[in-house]
Amino acid sequence: MATSPLTALLRLRRADEQRAERALAEAGRARARAEAAHDRLLAEARRGREALEARRARGAPDGARADEVQARRRFEARLADEAAARARALGAHARDVLAPAQALEAAARERHVAARNQRELTEKALARREAAERRDADRRREADEDDVAAARARRG
C-alpha cells in the first residue's frame, strides 16, 4: 500500500514531537542543575552573612587593646567583603545561568506543546479522511448490493 501524504506528514509530526520532547527533557535537566547550583550559592551567601552577623554580635572583649580592635575590624571588613562577593555571585548566577535555563525550558515546553498540537491536528485530519473513505466504501458496497438485488428481481 502506498503511503499517503497525510500518513507521511503524521510520521514527520511524530518525529518532531519526539525531538521536542527530548529537548524539553534536556532543558528541564539544565534548569534543575542551575537551580541546584543557585541553591548552593544561596546557602553560601547565607552562611557568610550569618558568620558576619555572629562576629558583630559578639563585639570586642572588654579591655581590648587598640591593635586587637583594629585587627577585629579588618577581619569583619573581610567577612563583609566576602559576603558581598557571594551576594554578587548569587545575583550573577541568577541572571546569567538560572534565568536563561528557565527561559530555555519554557521555550522548549512551548515548542513541545506546538509539536504535539500539530501531531494531533494531523491525526485528526487522517482520521477524518479514513472515516470518509470507510463511508464511501460502505456506500459503494450498498450500491453494489442494491444493483445485485435489482438484477435478480428483473430476472426472476
N, C-alpha and C. Protein backbone atom coordinates (compact mmCIF):
# COMPACT_ATOMS: atom_id res chain seq x y z
N MET A 1 0.84 -1.18 0.00
CA MET A 1 0.00 0.00 0.00
C MET A 1 0.89 1.24 0.00
N ALA A 2 0.57 2.16 -0.85
CA ALA A 2 1.36 3.39 -0.96
C ALA A 2 1.07 4.28 0.25
N THR A 3 2.07 5.02 0.67
CA THR A 3 1.93 5.92 1.80
C THR A 3 1.25 7.20 1.33
N SER A 4 0.22 7.58 2.03
CA SER A 4 -0.48 8.82 1.66
C SER A 4 0.30 10.01 2.20
N PRO A 5 0.08 11.17 1.63
CA PRO A 5 0.76 12.37 2.12
C PRO A 5 0.45 12.63 3.61
N LEU A 6 -0.80 12.38 4.02
CA LEU A 6 -1.14 12.60 5.43
C LEU A 6 -0.41 11.63 6.35
N THR A 7 -0.26 10.40 5.91
CA THR A 7 0.46 9.42 6.72
C THR A 7 1.93 9.80 6.83
N ALA A 8 2.51 10.24 5.73
CA ALA A 8 3.91 10.70 5.75
C ALA A 8 4.04 11.92 6.66
N LEU A 9 3.10 12.84 6.56
CA LEU A 9 3.12 14.03 7.40
C LEU A 9 2.99 13.65 8.88
N LEU A 10 2.14 12.69 9.17
CA LEU A 10 1.98 12.24 10.55
C LEU A 10 3.29 11.68 11.09
N ARG A 11 3.98 10.90 10.27
CA ARG A 11 5.27 10.36 10.69
C ARG A 11 6.25 11.51 11.03
N LEU A 12 6.26 12.53 10.19
CA LEU A 12 7.12 13.69 10.44
C LEU A 12 6.71 14.42 11.71
N ARG A 13 5.40 14.58 11.90
CA ARG A 13 4.91 15.27 13.09
C ARG A 13 5.27 14.51 14.36
N ARG A 14 5.19 13.18 14.31
CA ARG A 14 5.57 12.38 15.48
C ARG A 14 7.05 12.53 15.78
N ALA A 15 7.87 12.51 14.74
CA ALA A 15 9.31 12.69 14.93
C ALA A 15 9.61 14.08 15.51
N ASP A 16 8.91 15.10 15.01
CA ASP A 16 9.08 16.45 15.54
C ASP A 16 8.72 16.50 17.02
N GLU A 17 7.61 15.86 17.36
CA GLU A 17 7.18 15.86 18.75
C GLU A 17 8.19 15.14 19.64
N GLN A 18 8.74 14.05 19.16
CA GLN A 18 9.73 13.31 19.95
C GLN A 18 11.00 14.14 20.15
N ARG A 19 11.42 14.85 19.09
CA ARG A 19 12.59 15.73 19.23
C ARG A 19 12.29 16.84 20.24
N ALA A 20 11.11 17.41 20.16
CA ALA A 20 10.74 18.48 21.10
C ALA A 20 10.66 17.94 22.53
N GLU A 21 10.19 16.72 22.67
CA GLU A 21 10.11 16.10 23.99
C GLU A 21 11.51 15.88 24.57
N ARG A 22 12.43 15.41 23.75
CA ARG A 22 13.81 15.23 24.22
C ARG A 22 14.46 16.57 24.57
N ALA A 23 14.20 17.59 23.77
CA ALA A 23 14.75 18.92 24.05
C ALA A 23 14.17 19.47 25.36
N LEU A 24 12.89 19.23 25.59
CA LEU A 24 12.27 19.67 26.84
C LEU A 24 12.88 18.95 28.03
N ALA A 25 13.12 17.66 27.90
CA ALA A 25 13.74 16.91 28.99
C ALA A 25 15.14 17.45 29.30
N GLU A 26 15.92 17.71 28.26
CA GLU A 26 17.27 18.24 28.46
C GLU A 26 17.21 19.63 29.09
N ALA A 27 16.29 20.45 28.63
CA ALA A 27 16.15 21.80 29.20
C ALA A 27 15.74 21.70 30.67
N GLY A 28 14.89 20.74 31.00
CA GLY A 28 14.50 20.54 32.40
C GLY A 28 15.68 20.11 33.25
N ARG A 29 16.52 19.24 32.70
CA ARG A 29 17.72 18.83 33.45
C ARG A 29 18.67 20.01 33.64
N ALA A 30 18.83 20.83 32.61
CA ALA A 30 19.71 22.00 32.71
C ALA A 30 19.16 22.98 33.75
N ARG A 31 17.85 23.19 33.75
CA ARG A 31 17.24 24.07 34.75
C ARG A 31 17.44 23.52 36.15
N ALA A 32 17.29 22.21 36.31
CA ALA A 32 17.47 21.59 37.63
C ALA A 32 18.92 21.76 38.10
N ARG A 33 19.87 21.60 37.19
CA ARG A 33 21.28 21.81 37.57
C ARG A 33 21.52 23.26 37.97
N ALA A 34 20.93 24.19 37.22
CA ALA A 34 21.10 25.61 37.53
C ALA A 34 20.45 25.94 38.88
N GLU A 35 19.30 25.35 39.15
CA GLU A 35 18.64 25.60 40.44
C GLU A 35 19.45 25.02 41.59
N ALA A 36 20.04 23.84 41.38
CA ALA A 36 20.87 23.24 42.43
C ALA A 36 22.09 24.11 42.71
N ALA A 37 22.72 24.60 41.66
CA ALA A 37 23.87 25.50 41.84
C ALA A 37 23.44 26.78 42.53
N HIS A 38 22.29 27.29 42.15
CA HIS A 38 21.75 28.51 42.77
C HIS A 38 21.50 28.28 44.26
N ASP A 39 20.94 27.13 44.58
CA ASP A 39 20.69 26.81 45.99
C ASP A 39 22.00 26.74 46.78
N ARG A 40 23.05 26.16 46.18
CA ARG A 40 24.35 26.10 46.85
C ARG A 40 24.91 27.51 47.08
N LEU A 41 24.82 28.34 46.05
CA LEU A 41 25.30 29.72 46.19
C LEU A 41 24.49 30.48 47.24
N LEU A 42 23.20 30.24 47.26
CA LEU A 42 22.34 30.89 48.25
C LEU A 42 22.73 30.47 49.66
N ALA A 43 23.00 29.18 49.86
CA ALA A 43 23.41 28.69 51.17
C ALA A 43 24.75 29.30 51.58
N GLU A 44 25.69 29.39 50.63
CA GLU A 44 26.98 30.00 50.92
C GLU A 44 26.82 31.47 51.32
N ALA A 45 25.99 32.19 50.58
CA ALA A 45 25.75 33.60 50.90
C ALA A 45 25.12 33.74 52.28
N ARG A 46 24.18 32.86 52.58
CA ARG A 46 23.52 32.90 53.90
C ARG A 46 24.54 32.61 55.01
N ARG A 47 25.39 31.61 54.82
CA ARG A 47 26.40 31.29 55.83
C ARG A 47 27.36 32.47 56.02
N GLY A 48 27.72 33.13 54.94
CA GLY A 48 28.61 34.29 55.04
C GLY A 48 27.97 35.42 55.83
N ARG A 49 26.70 35.71 55.55
CA ARG A 49 26.00 36.77 56.29
C ARG A 49 25.88 36.40 57.76
N GLU A 50 25.55 35.13 58.01
CA GLU A 50 25.39 34.68 59.39
C GLU A 50 26.71 34.76 60.15
N ALA A 51 27.81 34.40 59.51
CA ALA A 51 29.12 34.48 60.15
C ALA A 51 29.46 35.93 60.50
N LEU A 52 29.18 36.83 59.59
CA LEU A 52 29.44 38.25 59.84
C LEU A 52 28.55 38.76 60.97
N GLU A 53 27.28 38.45 60.93
CA GLU A 53 26.36 38.90 61.98
C GLU A 53 26.75 38.33 63.34
N ALA A 54 27.15 37.06 63.37
CA ALA A 54 27.56 36.45 64.64
C ALA A 54 28.83 37.13 65.17
N ARG A 55 29.75 37.42 64.29
CA ARG A 55 31.00 38.07 64.70
C ARG A 55 30.70 39.46 65.25
N ARG A 56 29.84 40.21 64.58
CA ARG A 56 29.50 41.56 65.04
C ARG A 56 28.71 41.52 66.34
N ALA A 57 27.87 40.50 66.49
CA ALA A 57 27.05 40.39 67.71
C ALA A 57 27.91 40.12 68.93
N ARG A 58 29.02 39.43 68.75
CA ARG A 58 29.89 39.14 69.89
C ARG A 58 30.56 40.41 70.41
N GLY A 59 30.88 41.30 69.53
CA GLY A 59 31.53 42.55 69.93
C GLY A 59 32.96 42.32 70.39
N ALA A 60 33.62 43.42 70.67
CA ALA A 60 35.01 43.35 71.13
C ALA A 60 35.02 43.06 72.63
N PRO A 61 35.97 42.27 73.08
CA PRO A 61 36.04 42.00 74.52
C PRO A 61 36.41 43.27 75.29
N ASP A 62 35.93 43.33 76.50
CA ASP A 62 36.27 44.50 77.33
C ASP A 62 37.77 44.53 77.57
N GLY A 63 38.30 45.71 77.50
CA GLY A 63 39.72 45.88 77.75
C GLY A 63 40.60 45.48 76.59
N ALA A 64 40.02 45.37 75.39
CA ALA A 64 40.82 45.01 74.21
C ALA A 64 41.74 46.17 73.86
N ARG A 65 42.93 45.84 73.45
CA ARG A 65 43.90 46.86 73.04
C ARG A 65 43.48 47.41 71.67
N ALA A 66 43.99 48.54 71.33
CA ALA A 66 43.65 49.21 70.06
C ALA A 66 44.04 48.34 68.87
N ASP A 67 45.20 47.68 68.93
CA ASP A 67 45.62 46.85 67.80
C ASP A 67 44.70 45.63 67.66
N GLU A 68 44.18 45.11 68.77
CA GLU A 68 43.24 43.99 68.71
C GLU A 68 41.92 44.44 68.09
N VAL A 69 41.46 45.63 68.47
CA VAL A 69 40.22 46.18 67.91
C VAL A 69 40.38 46.41 66.41
N GLN A 70 41.52 46.95 66.00
CA GLN A 70 41.78 47.18 64.57
C GLN A 70 41.81 45.85 63.81
N ALA A 71 42.45 44.83 64.36
CA ALA A 71 42.51 43.52 63.71
C ALA A 71 41.10 42.94 63.59
N ARG A 72 40.33 43.12 64.65
CA ARG A 72 38.94 42.63 64.62
C ARG A 72 38.14 43.34 63.52
N ARG A 73 38.29 44.64 63.40
CA ARG A 73 37.58 45.42 62.38
C ARG A 73 38.01 44.99 60.97
N ARG A 74 39.33 44.75 60.78
CA ARG A 74 39.80 44.30 59.47
C ARG A 74 39.21 42.92 59.13
N PHE A 75 39.15 42.06 60.12
CA PHE A 75 38.58 40.73 59.90
C PHE A 75 37.10 40.84 59.54
N GLU A 76 36.37 41.69 60.28
CA GLU A 76 34.94 41.89 59.99
C GLU A 76 34.75 42.51 58.61
N ALA A 77 35.66 43.41 58.24
CA ALA A 77 35.57 44.02 56.91
C ALA A 77 35.80 42.95 55.84
N ARG A 78 36.76 42.04 56.08
CA ARG A 78 36.99 40.96 55.13
C ARG A 78 35.77 40.04 55.04
N LEU A 79 35.17 39.73 56.19
CA LEU A 79 33.95 38.92 56.17
C LEU A 79 32.84 39.64 55.40
N ALA A 80 32.71 40.95 55.58
CA ALA A 80 31.69 41.72 54.87
C ALA A 80 31.96 41.71 53.37
N ASP A 81 33.23 41.85 52.98
CA ASP A 81 33.58 41.80 51.56
C ASP A 81 33.26 40.44 50.96
N GLU A 82 33.58 39.37 51.71
CA GLU A 82 33.28 38.03 51.22
C GLU A 82 31.78 37.81 51.09
N ALA A 83 31.01 38.32 52.06
CA ALA A 83 29.55 38.19 51.99
C ALA A 83 29.01 38.95 50.79
N ALA A 84 29.54 40.14 50.54
CA ALA A 84 29.10 40.93 49.39
C ALA A 84 29.47 40.23 48.08
N ALA A 85 30.66 39.62 48.03
CA ALA A 85 31.09 38.91 46.82
C ALA A 85 30.17 37.71 46.58
N ARG A 86 29.79 37.02 47.65
CA ARG A 86 28.87 35.89 47.50
C ARG A 86 27.50 36.36 47.00
N ALA A 87 27.05 37.48 47.52
CA ALA A 87 25.76 38.02 47.08
C ALA A 87 25.83 38.41 45.60
N ARG A 88 26.96 39.01 45.19
CA ARG A 88 27.12 39.36 43.76
C ARG A 88 27.15 38.11 42.90
N ALA A 89 27.85 37.08 43.37
CA ALA A 89 27.93 35.82 42.61
C ALA A 89 26.54 35.20 42.49
N LEU A 90 25.77 35.28 43.57
CA LEU A 90 24.41 34.75 43.54
C LEU A 90 23.56 35.51 42.51
N GLY A 91 23.65 36.83 42.53
CA GLY A 91 22.90 37.63 41.57
C GLY A 91 23.32 37.36 40.13
N ALA A 92 24.64 37.26 39.92
CA ALA A 92 25.14 36.98 38.57
C ALA A 92 24.68 35.60 38.10
N HIS A 93 24.71 34.63 38.98
CA HIS A 93 24.26 33.28 38.62
C HIS A 93 22.77 33.29 38.27
N ALA A 94 21.99 34.00 39.08
CA ALA A 94 20.55 34.07 38.81
C ALA A 94 20.29 34.71 37.45
N ARG A 95 21.05 35.76 37.15
CA ARG A 95 20.85 36.49 35.89
C ARG A 95 21.42 35.74 34.68
N ASP A 96 22.64 35.19 34.83
CA ASP A 96 23.37 34.64 33.69
C ASP A 96 23.17 33.15 33.48
N VAL A 97 22.74 32.42 34.50
CA VAL A 97 22.61 30.97 34.38
C VAL A 97 21.18 30.51 34.63
N LEU A 98 20.64 30.87 35.79
CA LEU A 98 19.32 30.36 36.16
C LEU A 98 18.21 30.91 35.27
N ALA A 99 18.16 32.21 35.09
CA ALA A 99 17.09 32.80 34.27
C ALA A 99 17.13 32.28 32.83
N PRO A 100 18.31 32.22 32.18
CA PRO A 100 18.33 31.65 30.83
C PRO A 100 17.90 30.17 30.80
N ALA A 101 18.27 29.41 31.82
CA ALA A 101 17.87 28.00 31.85
C ALA A 101 16.36 27.88 31.99
N GLN A 102 15.77 28.73 32.82
CA GLN A 102 14.32 28.72 32.96
C GLN A 102 13.63 29.16 31.67
N ALA A 103 14.19 30.17 31.02
CA ALA A 103 13.61 30.64 29.75
C ALA A 103 13.73 29.56 28.67
N LEU A 104 14.88 28.88 28.66
CA LEU A 104 15.07 27.80 27.68
C LEU A 104 14.06 26.68 27.90
N GLU A 105 13.82 26.35 29.16
CA GLU A 105 12.84 25.30 29.45
C GLU A 105 11.43 25.74 29.03
N ALA A 106 11.09 27.00 29.31
CA ALA A 106 9.77 27.50 28.92
C ALA A 106 9.61 27.47 27.40
N ALA A 107 10.66 27.87 26.68
CA ALA A 107 10.60 27.84 25.21
C ALA A 107 10.50 26.40 24.70
N ALA A 108 11.24 25.49 25.34
CA ALA A 108 11.18 24.08 24.93
C ALA A 108 9.80 23.52 25.21
N ARG A 109 9.19 23.93 26.30
CA ARG A 109 7.83 23.47 26.62
C ARG A 109 6.85 23.98 25.56
N GLU A 110 7.00 25.23 25.17
CA GLU A 110 6.13 25.79 24.13
C GLU A 110 6.30 25.05 22.81
N ARG A 111 7.56 24.75 22.45
CA ARG A 111 7.81 24.02 21.21
C ARG A 111 7.21 22.61 21.29
N HIS A 112 7.30 21.98 22.45
CA HIS A 112 6.74 20.64 22.61
C HIS A 112 5.22 20.69 22.48
N VAL A 113 4.59 21.66 23.11
CA VAL A 113 3.13 21.79 23.01
C VAL A 113 2.73 22.04 21.56
N ALA A 114 3.46 22.91 20.88
CA ALA A 114 3.15 23.20 19.47
C ALA A 114 3.32 21.95 18.61
N ALA A 115 4.38 21.18 18.86
CA ALA A 115 4.61 19.95 18.09
C ALA A 115 3.51 18.93 18.37
N ARG A 116 3.10 18.83 19.63
CA ARG A 116 2.02 17.89 19.98
C ARG A 116 0.72 18.33 19.30
N ASN A 117 0.44 19.63 19.33
CA ASN A 117 -0.78 20.13 18.69
C ASN A 117 -0.77 19.84 17.19
N GLN A 118 0.39 20.02 16.55
CA GLN A 118 0.49 19.73 15.11
C GLN A 118 0.27 18.24 14.84
N ARG A 119 0.85 17.39 15.69
CA ARG A 119 0.65 15.95 15.51
C ARG A 119 -0.82 15.59 15.69
N GLU A 120 -1.44 16.12 16.73
CA GLU A 120 -2.86 15.82 16.97
C GLU A 120 -3.73 16.32 15.82
N LEU A 121 -3.41 17.49 15.30
CA LEU A 121 -4.16 18.03 14.17
C LEU A 121 -4.04 17.11 12.95
N THR A 122 -2.84 16.62 12.71
CA THR A 122 -2.62 15.72 11.58
C THR A 122 -3.34 14.40 11.81
N GLU A 123 -3.31 13.88 13.05
CA GLU A 123 -4.03 12.64 13.35
C GLU A 123 -5.53 12.81 13.11
N LYS A 124 -6.07 13.95 13.51
CA LYS A 124 -7.50 14.20 13.29
C LYS A 124 -7.83 14.26 11.80
N ALA A 125 -6.97 14.93 11.04
CA ALA A 125 -7.20 15.02 9.59
C ALA A 125 -7.14 13.63 8.96
N LEU A 126 -6.18 12.82 9.40
CA LEU A 126 -6.06 11.46 8.89
C LEU A 126 -7.28 10.63 9.28
N ALA A 127 -7.73 10.79 10.51
CA ALA A 127 -8.91 10.05 10.97
C ALA A 127 -10.15 10.47 10.17
N ARG A 128 -10.29 11.76 9.90
CA ARG A 128 -11.42 12.22 9.09
C ARG A 128 -11.36 11.64 7.68
N ARG A 129 -10.16 11.63 7.10
CA ARG A 129 -10.02 11.08 5.77
C ARG A 129 -10.34 9.58 5.76
N GLU A 130 -9.84 8.85 6.74
CA GLU A 130 -10.12 7.41 6.81
C GLU A 130 -11.61 7.15 7.03
N ALA A 131 -12.27 7.97 7.85
CA ALA A 131 -13.71 7.81 8.07
C ALA A 131 -14.47 8.08 6.77
N ALA A 132 -14.05 9.10 6.04
CA ALA A 132 -14.69 9.40 4.76
C ALA A 132 -14.49 8.25 3.77
N GLU A 133 -13.29 7.68 3.76
CA GLU A 133 -13.03 6.54 2.87
C GLU A 133 -13.90 5.34 3.26
N ARG A 134 -14.07 5.10 4.56
CA ARG A 134 -14.93 4.00 5.01
C ARG A 134 -16.39 4.24 4.61
N ARG A 135 -16.84 5.48 4.78
CA ARG A 135 -18.22 5.81 4.38
C ARG A 135 -18.40 5.59 2.88
N ASP A 136 -17.44 6.05 2.09
CA ASP A 136 -17.52 5.87 0.64
C ASP A 136 -17.52 4.39 0.27
N ALA A 137 -16.67 3.61 0.93
CA ALA A 137 -16.62 2.17 0.66
C ALA A 137 -17.95 1.51 1.05
N ASP A 138 -18.51 1.92 2.19
CA ASP A 138 -19.80 1.36 2.62
C ASP A 138 -20.90 1.72 1.61
N ARG A 139 -20.89 2.95 1.14
CA ARG A 139 -21.89 3.37 0.16
C ARG A 139 -21.75 2.59 -1.15
N ARG A 140 -20.51 2.40 -1.59
CA ARG A 140 -20.28 1.63 -2.81
C ARG A 140 -20.75 0.18 -2.63
N ARG A 141 -20.45 -0.39 -1.48
CA ARG A 141 -20.87 -1.77 -1.21
C ARG A 141 -22.40 -1.86 -1.19
N GLU A 142 -23.06 -0.90 -0.54
CA GLU A 142 -24.51 -0.88 -0.52
C GLU A 142 -25.08 -0.70 -1.93
N ALA A 143 -24.47 0.17 -2.72
CA ALA A 143 -24.94 0.38 -4.10
C ALA A 143 -24.76 -0.89 -4.92
N ASP A 144 -23.62 -1.57 -4.73
CA ASP A 144 -23.39 -2.83 -5.43
C ASP A 144 -24.42 -3.87 -5.02
N GLU A 145 -24.71 -3.94 -3.72
CA GLU A 145 -25.71 -4.90 -3.23
C GLU A 145 -27.09 -4.57 -3.80
N ASP A 146 -27.40 -3.28 -3.88
CA ASP A 146 -28.68 -2.86 -4.46
C ASP A 146 -28.75 -3.23 -5.93
N ASP A 147 -27.63 -3.05 -6.65
CA ASP A 147 -27.59 -3.40 -8.07
C ASP A 147 -27.79 -4.90 -8.26
N VAL A 148 -27.14 -5.70 -7.41
CA VAL A 148 -27.29 -7.15 -7.50
C VAL A 148 -28.73 -7.54 -7.21
N ALA A 149 -29.33 -6.95 -6.20
CA ALA A 149 -30.71 -7.26 -5.84
C ALA A 149 -31.66 -6.85 -6.96
N ALA A 150 -31.41 -5.70 -7.59
CA ALA A 150 -32.26 -5.23 -8.68
C ALA A 150 -32.12 -6.16 -9.86
N ALA A 151 -30.92 -6.63 -10.16
CA ALA A 151 -30.69 -7.55 -11.27
C ALA A 151 -31.42 -8.89 -11.02
N ARG A 152 -31.40 -9.37 -9.83
CA ARG A 152 -32.10 -10.61 -9.50
C ARG A 152 -33.61 -10.43 -9.65
N ALA A 153 -34.07 -9.27 -9.23
CA ALA A 153 -35.52 -9.02 -9.30
C ALA A 153 -35.99 -8.97 -10.75
N ARG A 154 -35.15 -8.42 -11.63
CA ARG A 154 -35.53 -8.33 -13.04
C ARG A 154 -35.55 -9.73 -13.67
N ARG A 155 -34.62 -10.58 -13.25
CA ARG A 155 -34.54 -11.90 -13.83
C ARG A 155 -35.63 -12.83 -13.27
N GLY A 156 -35.95 -12.61 -12.11
CA GLY A 156 -36.77 -13.61 -11.52
C GLY A 156 -38.17 -13.34 -11.28
